N, C-alpha and C. Protein backbone atom coordinates (compact mmCIF):
# COMPACT_ATOMS: atom_id res chain seq x y z
N MET A 1 94.42 103.84 109.70
CA MET A 1 95.46 103.23 110.52
C MET A 1 96.90 103.62 109.94
N THR A 2 97.78 103.93 110.90
CA THR A 2 99.18 104.33 110.44
C THR A 2 99.94 103.18 109.91
N ASN A 3 100.66 103.38 108.99
CA ASN A 3 101.48 102.50 108.32
C ASN A 3 102.69 102.11 109.25
N PRO A 4 102.87 100.82 109.65
CA PRO A 4 103.97 100.42 110.54
C PRO A 4 105.40 100.81 109.99
N ARG A 5 105.53 100.80 108.71
CA ARG A 5 106.79 101.13 108.11
C ARG A 5 107.13 102.55 108.31
N ILE A 6 106.15 103.47 108.30
CA ILE A 6 106.36 104.88 108.56
C ILE A 6 106.86 105.05 110.00
N ILE A 7 106.15 104.37 110.88
CA ILE A 7 106.52 104.51 112.34
C ILE A 7 107.84 103.92 112.54
N SER A 8 108.21 102.85 111.94
CA SER A 8 109.60 102.24 112.14
C SER A 8 110.66 103.16 111.61
N ALA A 9 110.41 103.75 110.47
CA ALA A 9 111.36 104.73 109.83
C ALA A 9 111.52 105.88 110.83
N ALA A 10 110.48 106.45 111.32
CA ALA A 10 110.51 107.61 112.18
C ALA A 10 111.22 107.23 113.49
N TYR A 11 111.02 106.06 113.97
CA TYR A 11 111.71 105.57 115.17
C TYR A 11 113.13 105.41 114.97
N ARG A 12 113.57 104.90 113.86
CA ARG A 12 114.96 104.73 113.52
C ARG A 12 115.59 106.10 113.42
N ALA A 13 114.97 107.09 112.80
CA ALA A 13 115.54 108.46 112.70
C ALA A 13 115.68 109.06 114.02
N TRP A 14 114.61 108.93 114.90
CA TRP A 14 114.75 109.42 116.27
C TRP A 14 115.84 108.80 117.04
N GLU A 15 115.92 107.51 116.91
CA GLU A 15 116.91 106.72 117.69
C GLU A 15 118.38 107.10 117.30
N ALA A 16 118.55 107.49 116.03
CA ALA A 16 119.88 107.87 115.53
C ALA A 16 120.37 109.19 116.32
N ASP A 17 119.42 110.03 116.67
CA ASP A 17 119.78 111.28 117.43
C ASP A 17 119.85 111.15 118.96
N TYR A 18 119.49 110.06 119.45
CA TYR A 18 119.52 109.98 120.94
C TYR A 18 120.28 108.70 121.32
N SER A 19 121.02 108.87 122.32
CA SER A 19 121.80 107.65 122.73
C SER A 19 121.16 106.93 123.90
N LEU A 20 120.14 107.51 124.52
CA LEU A 20 119.47 106.94 125.67
C LEU A 20 118.71 105.62 125.20
N PRO A 21 118.66 104.62 125.99
CA PRO A 21 117.83 103.50 125.66
C PRO A 21 116.33 103.93 125.73
N CYS A 22 115.57 103.18 124.90
CA CYS A 22 114.15 103.47 124.87
C CYS A 22 113.43 102.11 124.88
N LEU A 23 112.25 102.24 125.03
CA LEU A 23 111.34 101.03 125.06
C LEU A 23 110.82 100.66 123.78
N ASP A 24 110.86 99.43 123.40
CA ASP A 24 110.21 98.89 122.23
C ASP A 24 108.88 98.26 122.58
N ILE A 25 107.89 98.80 122.17
CA ILE A 25 106.60 98.31 122.47
C ILE A 25 105.80 97.83 121.27
N ASP A 26 105.52 96.54 121.26
CA ASP A 26 104.72 96.07 120.21
C ASP A 26 103.18 96.39 120.49
N SER A 27 102.72 97.45 119.85
CA SER A 27 101.39 97.91 120.14
C SER A 27 100.28 96.90 119.76
N ALA A 28 100.54 95.93 119.00
CA ALA A 28 99.60 94.87 118.72
C ALA A 28 99.41 93.91 119.87
N GLN A 29 100.36 94.01 120.81
CA GLN A 29 100.30 93.08 122.01
C GLN A 29 99.78 93.67 123.33
N VAL A 30 99.49 94.99 123.22
CA VAL A 30 99.08 95.66 124.54
C VAL A 30 97.77 96.50 124.15
N ASP A 31 97.04 96.67 125.21
CA ASP A 31 95.91 97.60 125.21
C ASP A 31 95.83 98.42 126.47
N PHE A 32 96.41 99.62 126.30
CA PHE A 32 96.49 100.49 127.55
C PHE A 32 95.14 101.10 127.95
N VAL A 33 94.21 101.00 127.06
CA VAL A 33 92.86 101.52 127.40
C VAL A 33 92.05 100.59 128.20
N TYR A 34 92.01 99.35 127.76
CA TYR A 34 91.10 98.35 128.37
C TYR A 34 91.76 97.40 129.32
N ASP A 35 93.02 97.34 129.36
CA ASP A 35 93.75 96.44 130.29
C ASP A 35 94.71 97.15 131.14
N PRO A 36 94.36 97.37 132.35
CA PRO A 36 95.25 98.19 133.26
C PRO A 36 96.54 97.52 133.62
N ARG A 37 96.59 96.16 133.35
CA ARG A 37 97.85 95.47 133.64
C ARG A 37 98.88 95.92 132.67
N HIS A 38 98.55 96.22 131.46
CA HIS A 38 99.46 96.67 130.42
C HIS A 38 100.07 98.04 130.81
N THR A 39 99.26 98.87 131.38
CA THR A 39 99.72 100.22 131.86
C THR A 39 100.74 100.00 132.95
N GLU A 40 100.44 99.04 133.88
CA GLU A 40 101.33 98.83 135.02
C GLU A 40 102.63 98.23 134.53
N GLN A 41 102.52 97.28 133.46
CA GLN A 41 103.79 96.71 132.92
C GLN A 41 104.64 97.81 132.30
N LEU A 42 103.94 98.84 131.69
CA LEU A 42 104.75 99.88 131.05
C LEU A 42 105.41 100.72 132.03
N ILE A 43 104.65 101.13 133.13
CA ILE A 43 105.27 101.86 134.20
C ILE A 43 106.47 101.10 134.87
N ASP A 44 106.33 99.86 135.12
CA ASP A 44 107.40 99.06 135.65
C ASP A 44 108.61 99.02 134.80
N ALA A 45 108.40 98.95 133.38
CA ALA A 45 109.45 98.90 132.47
C ALA A 45 110.22 100.26 132.49
N VAL A 46 109.44 101.41 132.54
CA VAL A 46 110.09 102.69 132.52
C VAL A 46 110.88 102.90 133.91
N ARG A 47 110.25 102.45 134.93
CA ARG A 47 111.01 102.59 136.19
C ARG A 47 112.34 101.72 136.23
N TYR A 48 112.24 100.60 135.70
CA TYR A 48 113.42 99.72 135.54
C TYR A 48 114.54 100.35 134.67
N ARG A 49 114.08 100.87 133.56
CA ARG A 49 115.11 101.58 132.73
C ARG A 49 115.73 102.85 133.33
N LEU A 50 114.90 103.61 134.09
CA LEU A 50 115.33 104.81 134.74
C LEU A 50 116.38 104.47 135.89
N LYS A 51 116.10 103.30 136.55
CA LYS A 51 116.96 102.75 137.56
C LYS A 51 118.33 102.31 137.05
N LYS A 52 118.21 101.66 135.91
CA LYS A 52 119.51 101.20 135.19
C LYS A 52 120.26 102.42 134.69
N ALA A 53 119.58 103.47 134.18
CA ALA A 53 120.30 104.65 133.65
C ALA A 53 121.00 105.37 134.88
N GLU A 54 120.29 105.41 136.05
CA GLU A 54 120.88 106.10 137.24
C GLU A 54 122.08 105.30 137.68
N GLU A 55 122.00 104.04 137.71
CA GLU A 55 123.13 103.16 138.09
C GLU A 55 124.29 103.35 137.27
N GLN A 56 124.12 103.50 135.90
CA GLN A 56 125.21 103.68 134.98
C GLN A 56 125.88 105.04 135.20
N ASP A 57 125.10 106.01 135.58
CA ASP A 57 125.63 107.41 135.78
C ASP A 57 126.39 107.50 137.15
N ALA A 58 126.06 106.59 138.05
CA ALA A 58 126.69 106.66 139.36
C ALA A 58 128.15 106.19 139.34
């Protein structure tokens, strides 16, 4: 299993290079393989973020 601190550090490094908002997903709370509702929630969240980004650019 991957160390959560390593993932958090990598995310912070990535986030420092990009100004676009991203999604914070607590992987302990979702199961994209066995619960299709979680996948739908992810898709909805991405669509919402894209819509907000488009509105900001307009």
